[in-house]
């Protein structure tokens, strides 16, 4: 399935300018049909999977309780 630049930006939750940068730097494959640029949706599966792994790792890190410091004691 092919997406337009705007649809790709929405799908990846990135700004349109970032998609244009990826195209300009030839980091993504695309086809040009008349005046429209189309990007193959499946080429972003690895990107999405890695981003989900990073989100999960961050959530796990943030949800880890802070260990109690054994050096801090009430000395009153």
N, C-alpha and C. Protein backbone atom coordinates (compact mmCIF):
# COMPACT_ATOMS: atom_id res chain seq x y z
N UNK A 1 0.85 -1.17 0.00
CA UNK A 1 0.00 0.00 0.00
C UNK A 1 0.90 1.24 0.00
N UNK A 2 0.56 2.19 -0.80
CA UNK A 2 1.32 3.43 -0.91
C UNK A 2 0.58 4.57 -0.23
N UNK A 3 1.34 5.46 0.40
CA UNK A 3 0.77 6.61 1.10
C UNK A 3 1.37 7.89 0.53
N UNK A 4 0.61 8.96 0.60
CA UNK A 4 1.14 10.27 0.22
C UNK A 4 2.07 10.75 1.34
N UNK A 5 2.74 11.84 1.11
CA UNK A 5 3.65 12.39 2.12
C UNK A 5 2.86 12.74 3.39
N UNK A 6 1.72 13.36 3.23
CA UNK A 6 0.91 13.76 4.39
C UNK A 6 0.40 12.53 5.15
N UNK A 7 -0.06 11.52 4.42
CA UNK A 7 -0.53 10.30 5.07
C UNK A 7 0.60 9.58 5.79
N UNK A 8 1.78 9.59 5.19
CA UNK A 8 2.94 8.97 5.82
C UNK A 8 3.30 9.69 7.11
N UNK A 9 3.28 11.01 7.08
CA UNK A 9 3.58 11.79 8.28
C UNK A 9 2.59 11.48 9.40
N UNK A 10 1.33 11.36 9.04
CA UNK A 10 0.31 11.02 10.03
C UNK A 10 0.51 9.60 10.55
N UNK A 11 0.81 8.67 9.67
CA UNK A 11 1.03 7.27 10.04
C UNK A 11 2.21 7.12 10.99
N UNK A 12 3.29 7.86 10.75
CA UNK A 12 4.49 7.76 11.56
C UNK A 12 4.50 8.75 12.73
N UNK A 13 3.48 9.60 12.81
CA UNK A 13 3.39 10.62 13.84
C UNK A 13 4.63 11.52 13.81
N UNK A 14 5.00 11.96 12.61
CA UNK A 14 6.12 12.86 12.39
C UNK A 14 5.63 14.07 11.61
N UNK A 15 6.35 15.18 11.69
CA UNK A 15 5.96 16.32 10.86
C UNK A 15 6.24 16.05 9.38
N UNK A 16 5.49 16.70 8.52
CA UNK A 16 5.64 16.55 7.08
C UNK A 16 7.05 16.94 6.65
N UNK A 17 7.63 17.94 7.31
CA UNK A 17 8.99 18.37 6.96
C UNK A 17 10.00 17.25 7.18
N UNK A 18 9.78 16.41 8.17
CA UNK A 18 10.68 15.28 8.42
C UNK A 18 10.59 14.25 7.29
N UNK A 19 9.39 14.02 6.77
CA UNK A 19 9.22 13.09 5.65
C UNK A 19 9.92 13.65 4.42
N UNK A 20 9.76 14.94 4.18
CA UNK A 20 10.46 15.57 3.05
C UNK A 20 11.98 15.46 3.20
N UNK A 21 12.47 15.58 4.43
CA UNK A 21 13.91 15.44 4.66
C UNK A 21 14.37 14.03 4.34
N UNK A 22 13.60 13.04 4.76
CA UNK A 22 13.95 11.64 4.47
C UNK A 22 13.99 11.38 2.96
N UNK A 23 13.06 11.99 2.25
CA UNK A 23 13.02 11.84 0.78
C UNK A 23 14.22 12.55 0.16
N UNK A 24 14.48 13.75 0.58
CA UNK A 24 15.59 14.54 0.03
C UNK A 24 16.93 13.86 0.26
N UNK A 25 17.10 13.24 1.44
CA UNK A 25 18.35 12.56 1.76
C UNK A 25 18.38 11.11 1.27
N UNK A 26 17.32 10.71 0.53
CA UNK A 26 17.21 9.38 -0.06
C UNK A 26 17.33 8.26 0.98
N UNK A 27 16.70 8.49 2.14
CA UNK A 27 16.68 7.48 3.19
C UNK A 27 15.46 6.59 3.11
N UNK A 28 14.51 6.96 2.27
CA UNK A 28 13.31 6.15 2.05
C UNK A 28 13.09 5.99 0.56
N UNK A 29 12.44 4.89 0.22
CA UNK A 29 12.10 4.66 -1.19
C UNK A 29 10.74 5.29 -1.48
N UNK A 30 10.62 5.84 -2.67
CA UNK A 30 9.36 6.47 -3.06
C UNK A 30 9.20 6.35 -4.56
N UNK A 31 7.97 6.56 -5.01
CA UNK A 31 7.69 6.63 -6.44
C UNK A 31 6.99 7.96 -6.70
N UNK A 32 7.22 8.47 -7.87
CA UNK A 32 6.58 9.72 -8.26
C UNK A 32 5.54 9.40 -9.33
N UNK A 33 4.29 9.73 -9.04
CA UNK A 33 3.19 9.53 -9.99
C UNK A 33 2.66 10.91 -10.32
N UNK A 34 2.91 11.31 -11.56
CA UNK A 34 2.61 12.68 -12.00
C UNK A 34 3.30 13.66 -11.07
N UNK A 35 2.57 14.46 -10.33
CA UNK A 35 3.20 15.43 -9.42
C UNK A 35 3.15 14.98 -7.97
N UNK A 36 2.73 13.75 -7.73
CA UNK A 36 2.55 13.28 -6.36
C UNK A 36 3.64 12.27 -5.99
N UNK A 37 4.14 12.37 -4.77
CA UNK A 37 5.14 11.44 -4.26
C UNK A 37 4.41 10.42 -3.38
N UNK A 38 4.66 9.15 -3.65
CA UNK A 38 4.05 8.07 -2.88
C UNK A 38 5.15 7.25 -2.22
N UNK A 39 4.90 6.87 -0.97
CA UNK A 39 5.86 6.07 -0.20
C UNK A 39 5.22 4.74 0.17
N UNK A 40 6.01 3.68 0.08
CA UNK A 40 5.52 2.34 0.40
C UNK A 40 5.43 2.20 1.91
N UNK A 41 4.25 1.90 2.39
CA UNK A 41 3.97 1.87 3.82
C UNK A 41 4.80 0.82 4.56
N UNK A 42 5.01 -0.35 3.96
CA UNK A 42 5.67 -1.45 4.65
C UNK A 42 7.14 -1.19 4.96
N UNK A 43 7.77 -0.24 4.30
CA UNK A 43 9.17 0.03 4.57
C UNK A 43 9.38 0.65 5.95
N UNK A 44 8.31 1.09 6.59
CA UNK A 44 8.41 1.72 7.90
C UNK A 44 8.11 0.77 9.06
N UNK A 45 7.89 -0.51 8.78
CA UNK A 45 7.57 -1.46 9.84
C UNK A 45 8.68 -1.56 10.89
N UNK A 46 9.92 -1.64 10.46
CA UNK A 46 11.04 -1.73 11.39
C UNK A 46 11.11 -0.47 12.25
N UNK A 47 10.93 0.69 11.63
CA UNK A 47 10.94 1.96 12.36
C UNK A 47 9.87 1.96 13.46
N UNK A 48 8.68 1.53 13.11
CA UNK A 48 7.57 1.53 14.07
C UNK A 48 7.83 0.53 15.18
N UNK A 49 8.33 -0.66 14.84
CA UNK A 49 8.63 -1.67 15.86
C UNK A 49 9.69 -1.18 16.83
N UNK A 50 10.75 -0.57 16.32
CA UNK A 50 11.81 -0.07 17.18
C UNK A 50 11.31 1.07 18.08
N UNK A 51 10.46 1.93 17.53
CA UNK A 51 9.92 3.02 18.33
C UNK A 51 9.04 2.48 19.45
N UNK A 52 8.27 1.43 19.17
CA UNK A 52 7.43 0.84 20.21
C UNK A 52 8.29 0.18 21.30
N UNK A 53 9.39 -0.45 20.90
CA UNK A 53 10.31 -1.04 21.89
C UNK A 53 10.89 0.04 22.78
N UNK A 54 11.27 1.17 22.19
CA UNK A 54 11.84 2.27 22.97
C UNK A 54 10.81 2.87 23.91
N UNK A 55 9.57 3.00 23.45
CA UNK A 55 8.51 3.52 24.31
C UNK A 55 8.27 2.58 25.49
N UNK A 56 8.25 1.28 25.21
CA UNK A 56 8.04 0.30 26.27
C UNK A 56 9.19 0.35 27.28
N UNK A 57 10.43 0.44 26.80
CA UNK A 57 11.59 0.50 27.70
C UNK A 57 11.54 1.76 28.55
N UNK A 58 11.15 2.89 27.97
CA UNK A 58 11.04 4.13 28.73
C UNK A 58 9.96 4.03 29.79
N UNK A 59 8.80 3.49 29.43
CA UNK A 59 7.72 3.32 30.40
C UNK A 59 8.15 2.40 31.54
N UNK A 60 8.83 1.33 31.20
CA UNK A 60 9.32 0.39 32.21
C UNK A 60 10.30 1.09 33.16
N UNK A 61 11.20 1.89 32.59
CA UNK A 61 12.18 2.62 33.39
C UNK A 61 11.47 3.62 34.32
N UNK A 62 10.51 4.36 33.77
CA UNK A 62 9.81 5.36 34.57
C UNK A 62 8.93 4.75 35.65
N UNK A 63 8.46 3.53 35.44
CA UNK A 63 7.60 2.86 36.42
C UNK A 63 8.38 2.06 37.45
N UNK A 64 9.69 1.98 37.30
CA UNK A 64 10.51 1.27 38.27
C UNK A 64 10.62 2.12 39.52
N UNK A 65 10.30 1.55 40.68
CA UNK A 65 10.38 2.35 41.90
C UNK A 65 11.83 2.70 42.25
N UNK A 66 11.99 3.84 42.87
CA UNK A 66 13.31 4.28 43.30
C UNK A 66 13.67 3.47 44.54
N UNK A 67 14.83 2.82 44.53
CA UNK A 67 15.19 2.02 45.72
C UNK A 67 15.47 2.92 46.92
N UNK A 68 15.15 2.39 48.07
CA UNK A 68 15.40 3.14 49.29
C UNK A 68 16.90 3.16 49.56
N UNK A 69 17.42 4.32 49.85
CA UNK A 69 18.85 4.48 50.10
C UNK A 69 19.15 3.98 51.51
N UNK A 70 19.99 2.99 51.61
CA UNK A 70 20.26 2.40 52.93
C UNK A 70 21.15 3.29 53.79
N UNK A 71 21.78 4.30 53.20
CA UNK A 71 22.65 5.19 53.97
C UNK A 71 21.88 6.29 54.69
N UNK A 72 20.67 6.52 54.30
CA UNK A 72 19.88 7.58 54.92
C UNK A 72 19.15 6.99 56.11
N UNK A 73 19.44 7.53 57.30
CA UNK A 73 18.80 7.04 58.52
C UNK A 73 18.34 8.24 59.34
N UNK A 74 17.29 8.02 60.04
CA UNK A 74 16.80 9.06 60.94
C UNK A 74 17.66 9.00 62.20
N UNK A 75 18.43 10.05 62.45
CA UNK A 75 19.35 10.02 63.56
C UNK A 75 18.88 10.88 64.74
N UNK A 76 17.62 11.14 64.79
CA UNK A 76 17.11 11.93 65.93
C UNK A 76 17.00 11.10 67.16
